[in-house]
């Protein structure tokens, strides 16, 4: 990993992109283990937890949304990330989609400077984020879902 993404102007963005990649891969692995465990998601009003497939699609869709939002705010070109597969196809296409998603995450922020990363914008859900804080949010999102699934699997 140390020699990856060497074209990044700001090493902080490079680190966050690589950490996002690592944690999205971990999430998919954990999600697969959860599916194999036969455990169920808890009952909730959150539509993203209505099924394991919806949760997987949610993680993919959020990751896509973080990068497209950052590019929009910065005036960078659209990263060209496809919408994730529909709920009924996401499980079978998960590995292929994840590779597409992560490949499209690798280059858009190469020219980002630390100074520009500190600029703040309204997110699509109304909270104010800097680009740096959105990158941190994008890294933590799959970590949180992996933690939740591991917690569910550890229960009897």
Protein backbone atom coordinates (compact mmCIF):
# COMPACT_ATOMS: atom_id res chain seq x y z
CA UNK A 1 0.00 0.00 0.00
CA UNK A 2 2.77 2.60 0.66
CA UNK A 3 3.42 3.04 -3.07
CA UNK A 4 -0.25 3.33 -4.07
CA UNK A 5 -1.83 6.57 -5.21
CA UNK A 6 1.45 8.44 -5.29
CA UNK A 7 -0.04 11.13 -7.55
CA UNK A 8 -2.07 12.56 -4.66
CA UNK A 9 -1.18 16.16 -3.91
CA UNK A 10 -2.46 15.96 -0.32
CA UNK A 11 -1.45 12.82 1.55
CA UNK A 12 -4.41 13.17 3.90
CA UNK A 13 -6.84 12.54 1.05
CA UNK A 14 -4.71 9.65 -0.17
CA UNK A 15 -4.85 8.06 3.28
CA UNK A 16 -8.62 8.44 3.50
CA UNK A 17 -9.18 6.96 0.03
CA UNK A 18 -7.03 3.94 0.88
CA UNK A 19 -8.70 3.52 4.28
CA UNK A 20 -12.12 3.73 2.64
CA UNK A 21 -11.09 0.99 0.23
CA UNK A 22 -9.77 -1.22 3.03
CA UNK A 23 -12.91 -0.79 5.11
CA UNK A 24 -15.34 -1.31 2.23
CA UNK A 25 -13.58 -4.61 1.48
CA UNK A 26 -13.81 -5.55 5.16
CA UNK A 27 -17.49 -4.63 5.22
CA UNK A 28 -18.27 -6.89 2.25
CA UNK A 29 -16.37 -9.74 3.88
CA UNK A 30 -18.25 -9.19 7.16
CA UNK A 31 -21.56 -8.89 5.31
CA UNK A 32 -20.91 -12.25 3.61
CA UNK A 33 -20.08 -13.85 6.96
CA UNK A 34 -23.30 -12.41 8.37
CA UNK A 35 -25.32 -13.88 5.48
CA UNK A 36 -23.66 -17.26 6.01
CA UNK A 37 -24.37 -17.13 9.75
CA UNK A 38 -28.12 -17.32 9.25
CA UNK A 39 -28.62 -14.42 11.68
CA UNK A 40 -31.25 -11.79 11.05
CA UNK A 41 -31.12 -8.04 11.16
CA UNK A 42 -33.11 -6.54 14.03
CA UNK A 43 -36.59 -5.18 13.38
CA UNK A 44 -36.42 -1.46 12.75
CA UNK A 45 -38.20 1.35 10.93
CA UNK A 46 -35.01 2.07 8.98
CA UNK A 47 -35.65 0.89 5.40
CA UNK A 48 -31.91 0.27 4.90
CA UNK A 49 -32.16 -2.52 7.49
CA UNK A 50 -35.20 -4.22 5.99
CA UNK A 51 -32.97 -6.99 4.60
CA UNK A 52 -29.29 -7.84 4.35
CA UNK A 53 -29.44 -7.01 0.64
CA UNK A 54 -30.84 -3.56 1.38
CA UNK A 55 -28.04 -2.98 3.89
CA UNK A 56 -25.41 -4.00 1.32
CA UNK A 57 -26.95 -1.72 -1.29
CA UNK A 58 -27.11 1.08 1.29
CA UNK A 59 -23.35 0.81 1.97
CA UNK A 60 -22.57 0.84 -1.75
CA UNK A 61 -24.97 3.70 -2.45
CA UNK A 62 -23.61 5.78 0.42
CA UNK A 63 -20.03 5.29 -0.76
CA UNK A 64 -21.02 6.36 -4.26
CA UNK A 65 -22.85 9.37 -2.83
CA UNK A 66 -19.93 10.56 -0.73
CA UNK A 67 -17.59 10.71 -3.71
CA UNK A 68 -20.10 12.24 -6.12
CA UNK A 69 -20.99 14.88 -3.50
CA UNK A 70 -17.34 15.77 -2.90
CA UNK A 71 -16.69 16.09 -6.62
CA UNK A 72 -19.80 18.27 -7.05
CA UNK A 73 -18.76 20.58 -4.20
CA UNK A 74 -15.21 20.90 -5.46
CA UNK A 75 -16.21 21.41 -9.09
CA UNK A 76 -14.34 18.24 -10.07
CA UNK A 77 -15.53 16.00 -12.93
CA UNK A 78 -18.19 13.40 -12.19
CA UNK A 79 -16.35 10.27 -11.05
CA UNK A 80 -18.58 8.05 -13.19
CA UNK A 81 -19.67 5.70 -10.42
CA UNK A 82 -22.63 3.61 -11.52
CA UNK A 83 -25.65 3.20 -9.26
CA UNK A 84 -25.34 0.00 -7.23
CA UNK A 85 -27.31 -3.03 -8.38
CA UNK A 86 -30.91 -3.29 -7.25
CA UNK A 87 -31.72 -5.16 -4.06
CA UNK A 88 -32.56 -8.38 -5.91
CA UNK A 89 -29.21 -8.38 -7.76
CA UNK A 90 -26.80 -6.75 -5.32
CA UNK A 91 -25.67 -9.92 -3.59
CA UNK A 92 -24.70 -11.67 -6.82
CA UNK A 93 -22.98 -8.60 -8.23
CA UNK A 94 -21.38 -7.37 -5.00
CA UNK A 95 -17.75 -8.23 -5.80
CA UNK A 96 -17.92 -6.79 -9.31
CA UNK A 97 -19.68 -3.63 -8.15
CA UNK A 98 -17.25 -3.11 -5.28
CA UNK A 99 -14.28 -3.25 -7.67
CA UNK A 100 -15.98 -0.68 -9.93
CA UNK A 101 -16.78 1.56 -6.96
CA UNK A 102 -13.28 1.43 -5.49
CA UNK A 103 -11.61 1.97 -8.87
CA UNK A 104 -13.73 5.11 -9.36
CA UNK A 105 -12.80 6.33 -5.86
CA UNK A 106 -9.05 6.21 -6.56
CA UNK A 107 -8.44 9.22 -8.80
CA UNK A 108 -10.96 12.05 -8.39
CA UNK A 109 -9.31 13.63 -5.34
CA UNK A 110 -5.69 13.37 -6.52
CA UNK A 111 -5.53 17.15 -7.05
CA UNK A 112 -7.20 18.06 -3.76
CA UNK A 113 -5.16 20.34 -1.53
CA UNK A 114 -5.33 20.37 2.24
CA UNK A 115 -6.63 23.96 2.13
CA UNK A 116 -9.54 23.03 -0.16
CA UNK A 117 -10.30 20.01 2.02
CA UNK A 118 -11.20 22.39 4.84
CA UNK A 119 -13.93 24.21 2.87
CA UNK A 120 -17.40 23.44 4.24
CA UNK A 121 -20.58 22.59 2.37
CA UNK A 122 -24.11 21.40 3.16
CA UNK A 123 -24.48 17.65 2.73
CA UNK A 124 -27.44 16.12 0.95
CA UNK A 125 -28.96 15.37 4.37
CA UNK A 126 -28.48 18.94 5.63
CA UNK A 127 -25.43 18.64 7.89
CA UNK A 128 -22.39 20.79 7.20
CA UNK A 129 -19.20 18.93 6.29
CA UNK A 130 -15.77 19.87 5.07
CA UNK A 131 -14.36 17.61 2.38
CA UNK A 132 -11.96 16.26 5.01
CA UNK A 133 -14.80 15.44 7.40
CA UNK A 134 -16.81 13.81 4.60
CA UNK A 135 -13.81 11.63 3.81
CA UNK A 136 -13.66 10.62 7.47
CA UNK A 137 -17.40 9.93 7.40
CA UNK A 138 -16.93 7.76 4.31
CA UNK A 139 -14.22 5.75 6.08
CA UNK A 140 -16.27 5.27 9.24
CA UNK A 141 -19.53 4.29 7.55
CA UNK A 142 -18.46 0.75 6.54
CA UNK A 143 -16.64 0.35 9.87
CA UNK A 144 -19.87 1.08 11.77
CA UNK A 145 -21.86 -1.38 9.68
CA UNK A 146 -19.18 -4.07 10.03
CA UNK A 147 -19.23 -3.54 13.79
CA UNK A 148 -23.04 -3.88 13.87
CA UNK A 149 -22.98 -7.10 11.86
CA UNK A 150 -20.18 -8.61 13.95
CA UNK A 151 -22.10 -7.68 17.09
CA UNK A 152 -25.22 -9.43 15.77
CA UNK A 153 -23.20 -12.52 14.86
CA UNK A 154 -21.69 -12.69 18.34
CA UNK A 155 -25.09 -12.94 20.00
CA UNK A 156 -26.65 -16.30 20.73
